[in-house]
Amino acid sequence: MTKDERVAKVRITDQFRSGKSMVYDLKCEGIRITISMSSSDEIDGWQIQMLVKQTPDSPPVLATGPSRGEALGVLAEAWRSRGGVSAYPALDWAAIREVLAAVRAI
């Protein structure tokens, strides 16, 4: 699969500021997710929170890291560790990373 094919499967539908966070709404092959990124003075780095919008029982997944990119990698690993159950569907993390990089979110 080419880079363009991967990115076409994932797109940012909205992005906005909410307090100290930058929020990105994405559509990933029909799955709507929200990723919120904010700097954190407590950990001297970044915190990312993600949830699936159309699954009401999906609690958010949190991750931290020294950079936004590293925090996203930790988030992806935490998401994958949940095994693709309905509240945490399998996602194309390479494509998510690419669309976020395209808007300089990471």
N, C-alpha and C. Protein backbone atom coordinates (compact mmCIF):
# COMPACT_ATOMS: atom_id res chain seq x y z
N MET A 1 0.84 -1.17 0.00
CA MET A 1 0.00 0.00 0.00
C MET A 1 0.89 1.25 0.00
N THR A 2 0.59 2.17 -0.88
CA THR A 2 1.40 3.39 -0.97
C THR A 2 1.02 4.37 0.13
N LYS A 3 1.88 5.35 0.33
CA LYS A 3 1.63 6.38 1.33
C LYS A 3 0.32 7.10 1.03
N ASP A 4 0.06 7.44 -0.23
CA ASP A 4 -1.18 8.14 -0.60
C ASP A 4 -2.41 7.30 -0.31
N GLU A 5 -2.34 5.99 -0.53
CA GLU A 5 -3.47 5.12 -0.24
C GLU A 5 -3.74 5.05 1.25
N ARG A 6 -2.66 4.98 2.05
CA ARG A 6 -2.83 4.95 3.51
C ARG A 6 -3.45 6.23 4.01
N VAL A 7 -2.93 7.37 3.57
CA VAL A 7 -3.42 8.66 4.04
C VAL A 7 -4.86 8.88 3.60
N ALA A 8 -5.25 8.37 2.42
CA ALA A 8 -6.63 8.53 1.96
C ALA A 8 -7.62 7.82 2.88
N LYS A 9 -7.16 6.79 3.59
CA LYS A 9 -8.03 6.07 4.51
C LYS A 9 -8.27 6.84 5.81
N VAL A 10 -7.41 7.80 6.09
CA VAL A 10 -7.51 8.59 7.32
C VAL A 10 -7.51 10.06 6.94
N ARG A 11 -8.45 10.79 7.51
CA ARG A 11 -8.43 12.23 7.24
C ARG A 11 -8.88 13.00 8.48
N ILE A 12 -8.37 14.20 8.59
CA ILE A 12 -8.75 15.09 9.68
C ILE A 12 -10.04 15.79 9.26
N THR A 13 -11.07 15.67 10.07
CA THR A 13 -12.35 16.30 9.75
C THR A 13 -12.51 17.63 10.46
N ASP A 14 -11.77 17.84 11.55
CA ASP A 14 -11.84 19.11 12.29
C ASP A 14 -10.61 19.21 13.18
N GLN A 15 -10.18 20.43 13.43
CA GLN A 15 -9.11 20.67 14.38
C GLN A 15 -9.37 22.02 15.05
N PHE A 16 -9.18 22.06 16.37
CA PHE A 16 -9.49 23.28 17.12
C PHE A 16 -8.77 23.28 18.45
N ARG A 17 -8.71 24.43 19.07
CA ARG A 17 -8.14 24.57 20.42
C ARG A 17 -9.25 24.41 21.44
N SER A 18 -8.93 23.73 22.53
CA SER A 18 -9.83 23.58 23.66
C SER A 18 -9.00 23.79 24.91
N GLY A 19 -9.08 24.99 25.47
CA GLY A 19 -8.23 25.32 26.61
C GLY A 19 -6.77 25.31 26.18
N LYS A 20 -5.95 24.51 26.86
CA LYS A 20 -4.53 24.40 26.52
C LYS A 20 -4.24 23.27 25.54
N SER A 21 -5.27 22.60 25.09
CA SER A 21 -5.10 21.44 24.20
C SER A 21 -5.42 21.79 22.76
N MET A 22 -4.80 21.04 21.85
CA MET A 22 -5.16 21.06 20.45
C MET A 22 -5.89 19.75 20.20
N VAL A 23 -7.08 19.85 19.59
CA VAL A 23 -7.94 18.69 19.39
C VAL A 23 -8.07 18.41 17.89
N TYR A 24 -7.94 17.13 17.54
CA TYR A 24 -8.06 16.70 16.15
C TYR A 24 -9.14 15.62 16.07
N ASP A 25 -10.16 15.87 15.26
CA ASP A 25 -11.16 14.86 14.96
C ASP A 25 -10.74 14.19 13.66
N LEU A 26 -10.68 12.87 13.67
CA LEU A 26 -10.25 12.12 12.49
C LEU A 26 -11.31 11.09 12.11
N LYS A 27 -11.33 10.76 10.84
CA LYS A 27 -12.15 9.65 10.36
C LYS A 27 -11.18 8.63 9.78
N CYS A 28 -11.19 7.44 10.36
CA CYS A 28 -10.27 6.37 9.98
C CYS A 28 -11.08 5.20 9.46
N GLU A 29 -11.19 5.10 8.14
CA GLU A 29 -11.95 4.01 7.52
C GLU A 29 -13.33 3.86 8.16
N GLY A 30 -14.03 4.97 8.33
CA GLY A 30 -15.38 4.96 8.88
C GLY A 30 -15.45 5.07 10.39
N ILE A 31 -14.32 4.99 11.07
CA ILE A 31 -14.29 5.10 12.53
C ILE A 31 -13.90 6.53 12.89
N ARG A 32 -14.73 7.18 13.69
CA ARG A 32 -14.45 8.55 14.11
C ARG A 32 -13.72 8.54 15.45
N ILE A 33 -12.57 9.21 15.48
CA ILE A 33 -11.78 9.30 16.71
C ILE A 33 -11.45 10.75 17.01
N THR A 34 -11.19 11.02 18.25
CA THR A 34 -10.75 12.35 18.69
C THR A 34 -9.43 12.19 19.43
N ILE A 35 -8.46 12.99 19.02
CA ILE A 35 -7.15 13.01 19.67
C ILE A 35 -6.93 14.41 20.22
N SER A 36 -6.61 14.49 21.50
CA SER A 36 -6.36 15.76 22.17
C SER A 36 -4.91 15.77 22.65
N MET A 37 -4.15 16.82 22.29
CA MET A 37 -2.73 16.93 22.67
C MET A 37 -2.52 18.19 23.49
N SER A 38 -1.77 18.05 24.58
CA SER A 38 -1.43 19.22 25.39
C SER A 38 -0.07 19.03 26.04
N SER A 39 0.59 20.15 26.25
CA SER A 39 1.86 20.08 26.97
C SER A 39 1.54 19.93 28.45
N SER A 40 2.47 19.31 29.17
CA SER A 40 2.24 19.05 30.58
C SER A 40 3.46 19.46 31.37
N ASP A 41 3.28 20.41 32.27
CA ASP A 41 4.38 20.85 33.13
C ASP A 41 4.76 19.78 34.15
N GLU A 42 3.76 18.96 34.56
CA GLU A 42 4.02 17.93 35.57
C GLU A 42 5.01 16.88 35.08
N ILE A 43 4.94 16.54 33.80
CA ILE A 43 5.83 15.49 33.28
C ILE A 43 6.91 16.05 32.37
N ASP A 44 6.92 17.35 32.18
CA ASP A 44 7.89 18.00 31.30
C ASP A 44 7.86 17.36 29.92
N GLY A 45 6.67 17.30 29.35
CA GLY A 45 6.50 16.69 28.04
C GLY A 45 5.09 16.91 27.53
N TRP A 46 4.58 15.90 26.83
CA TRP A 46 3.27 15.99 26.18
C TRP A 46 2.36 14.87 26.63
N GLN A 47 1.07 15.20 26.70
CA GLN A 47 0.05 14.23 27.02
C GLN A 47 -0.93 14.16 25.86
N ILE A 48 -1.30 12.96 25.46
CA ILE A 48 -2.27 12.76 24.39
C ILE A 48 -3.39 11.87 24.93
N GLN A 49 -4.61 12.27 24.62
CA GLN A 49 -5.79 11.49 24.99
C GLN A 49 -6.56 11.16 23.71
N MET A 50 -7.06 9.94 23.61
CA MET A 50 -7.80 9.55 22.42
C MET A 50 -9.02 8.74 22.79
N LEU A 51 -10.12 8.94 22.03
CA LEU A 51 -11.30 8.13 22.22
C LEU A 51 -12.03 7.93 20.89
N VAL A 52 -12.81 6.88 20.83
CA VAL A 52 -13.64 6.59 19.66
C VAL A 52 -14.97 7.29 19.88
N LYS A 53 -15.37 8.10 18.92
CA LYS A 53 -16.58 8.91 19.08
C LYS A 53 -17.87 8.10 19.03
N GLN A 54 -17.98 7.10 18.14
CA GLN A 54 -19.26 6.42 17.98
C GLN A 54 -19.45 5.25 18.93
N THR A 55 -18.50 5.01 19.82
CA THR A 55 -18.62 3.94 20.80
C THR A 55 -18.75 4.56 22.18
N PRO A 56 -19.98 4.65 22.71
CA PRO A 56 -20.17 5.35 23.98
C PRO A 56 -19.46 4.72 25.18
N ASP A 57 -19.18 3.41 25.12
CA ASP A 57 -18.53 2.75 26.25
C ASP A 57 -17.01 2.74 26.14
N SER A 58 -16.47 3.51 25.22
CA SER A 58 -15.03 3.54 25.02
C SER A 58 -14.38 4.60 25.91
N PRO A 59 -13.74 4.17 27.02
CA PRO A 59 -13.05 5.16 27.84
C PRO A 59 -11.81 5.68 27.10
N PRO A 60 -11.41 6.90 27.39
CA PRO A 60 -10.23 7.44 26.69
C PRO A 60 -8.96 6.69 27.06
N VAL A 61 -8.01 6.71 26.13
CA VAL A 61 -6.69 6.14 26.37
C VAL A 61 -5.74 7.32 26.48
N LEU A 62 -4.91 7.32 27.51
CA LEU A 62 -3.96 8.41 27.75
C LEU A 62 -2.54 7.92 27.55
N ALA A 63 -1.70 8.82 27.06
CA ALA A 63 -0.28 8.51 26.90
C ALA A 63 0.53 9.78 27.08
N THR A 64 1.76 9.62 27.53
CA THR A 64 2.65 10.77 27.70
C THR A 64 4.00 10.45 27.06
N GLY A 65 4.71 11.50 26.74
CA GLY A 65 6.04 11.34 26.18
C GLY A 65 6.76 12.67 26.14
N PRO A 66 8.06 12.64 25.92
CA PRO A 66 8.84 13.88 25.90
C PRO A 66 8.54 14.75 24.67
N SER A 67 7.97 14.14 23.61
CA SER A 67 7.58 14.90 22.41
C SER A 67 6.18 14.42 22.00
N ARG A 68 5.53 15.19 21.14
CA ARG A 68 4.21 14.78 20.66
C ARG A 68 4.31 13.48 19.87
N GLY A 69 5.35 13.35 19.05
CA GLY A 69 5.52 12.14 18.26
C GLY A 69 5.73 10.90 19.13
N GLU A 70 6.55 11.04 20.16
CA GLU A 70 6.79 9.91 21.06
C GLU A 70 5.55 9.58 21.87
N ALA A 71 4.81 10.59 22.30
CA ALA A 71 3.57 10.35 23.03
C ALA A 71 2.56 9.62 22.13
N LEU A 72 2.52 9.98 20.83
CA LEU A 72 1.64 9.29 19.89
C LEU A 72 2.05 7.83 19.75
N GLY A 73 3.34 7.54 19.72
CA GLY A 73 3.81 6.16 19.65
C GLY A 73 3.40 5.36 20.88
N VAL A 74 3.48 5.96 22.05
CA VAL A 74 3.05 5.30 23.29
C VAL A 74 1.54 5.06 23.25
N LEU A 75 0.80 6.06 22.75
CA LEU A 75 -0.65 5.93 22.62
C LEU A 75 -1.02 4.78 21.68
N ALA A 76 -0.35 4.70 20.54
CA ALA A 76 -0.62 3.63 19.58
C ALA A 76 -0.38 2.27 20.20
N GLU A 77 0.70 2.14 20.93
CA GLU A 77 1.02 0.87 21.58
C GLU A 77 -0.02 0.53 22.65
N ALA A 78 -0.44 1.51 23.43
CA ALA A 78 -1.46 1.27 24.46
C ALA A 78 -2.78 0.86 23.80
N TRP A 79 -3.11 1.50 22.68
CA TRP A 79 -4.35 1.17 21.96
C TRP A 79 -4.28 -0.26 21.42
N ARG A 80 -3.17 -0.61 20.78
CA ARG A 80 -3.00 -1.96 20.22
C ARG A 80 -3.07 -3.03 21.31
N SER A 81 -2.57 -2.71 22.50
CA SER A 81 -2.54 -3.70 23.58
C SER A 81 -3.94 -4.09 24.05
N ARG A 82 -4.93 -3.30 23.68
CA ARG A 82 -6.30 -3.62 24.06
C ARG A 82 -6.94 -4.64 23.11
N GLY A 83 -6.20 -5.04 22.09
CA GLY A 83 -6.56 -6.19 21.28
C GLY A 83 -7.65 -6.01 20.24
N GLY A 84 -8.01 -4.79 19.85
CA GLY A 84 -8.98 -4.60 18.79
C GLY A 84 -10.41 -4.94 19.18
N VAL A 85 -10.73 -4.99 20.47
CA VAL A 85 -12.11 -5.22 20.89
C VAL A 85 -12.97 -4.05 20.44
N SER A 86 -14.29 -4.19 20.50
CA SER A 86 -15.19 -3.20 19.90
C SER A 86 -14.96 -1.77 20.38
N ALA A 87 -14.63 -1.57 21.64
CA ALA A 87 -14.39 -0.22 22.14
C ALA A 87 -13.06 0.33 21.66
N TYR A 88 -12.16 -0.55 21.21
CA TYR A 88 -10.83 -0.17 20.74
C TYR A 88 -10.53 -0.86 19.40
N PRO A 89 -11.18 -0.41 18.32
CA PRO A 89 -10.99 -1.09 17.03
C PRO A 89 -9.57 -0.92 16.50
N ALA A 90 -9.17 -1.86 15.64
CA ALA A 90 -7.85 -1.78 15.00
C ALA A 90 -7.81 -0.55 14.11
N LEU A 91 -6.71 0.20 14.19
CA LEU A 91 -6.54 1.43 13.42
C LEU A 91 -5.22 1.41 12.67
N ASP A 92 -5.15 2.17 11.59
CA ASP A 92 -3.92 2.30 10.80
C ASP A 92 -3.09 3.43 11.41
N TRP A 93 -2.21 3.07 12.34
CA TRP A 93 -1.44 4.08 13.07
C TRP A 93 -0.42 4.80 12.19
N ALA A 94 0.10 4.14 11.17
CA ALA A 94 1.02 4.81 10.25
C ALA A 94 0.31 5.93 9.51
N ALA A 95 -0.92 5.69 9.07
CA ALA A 95 -1.69 6.72 8.37
C ALA A 95 -2.09 7.85 9.31
N ILE A 96 -2.43 7.51 10.55
CA ILE A 96 -2.77 8.54 11.54
C ILE A 96 -1.56 9.43 11.76
N ARG A 97 -0.40 8.83 11.93
CA ARG A 97 0.83 9.60 12.13
C ARG A 97 1.08 10.52 10.93
N GLU A 98 0.87 10.01 9.71
CA GLU A 98 1.14 10.82 8.51
C GLU A 98 0.21 12.01 8.39
N VAL A 99 -1.08 11.83 8.67
CA VAL A 99 -1.99 12.99 8.54
C VAL A 99 -1.72 14.01 9.64
N LEU A 100 -1.36 13.56 10.82
CA LEU A 100 -1.01 14.50 11.89
C LEU A 100 0.29 15.25 11.57
N ALA A 101 1.24 14.55 10.99
CA ALA A 101 2.49 15.19 10.58
C ALA A 101 2.24 16.22 9.47
N ALA A 102 1.28 15.94 8.60
CA ALA A 102 0.99 16.84 7.49
C ALA A 102 0.49 18.20 7.97
N VAL A 103 -0.16 18.23 9.14
CA VAL A 103 -0.64 19.51 9.69
C VAL A 103 0.26 19.98 10.84
N ARG A 104 1.44 19.40 10.92
CA ARG A 104 2.45 19.72 11.92
C ARG A 104 1.96 19.55 13.36
N ALA A 105 1.09 18.54 13.56
CA ALA A 105 0.63 18.24 14.91
C ALA A 105 1.67 17.44 15.68
N ILE A 106 2.54 16.73 14.93
CA ILE A 106 3.62 15.97 15.57
C ILE A 106 4.92 16.28 14.87
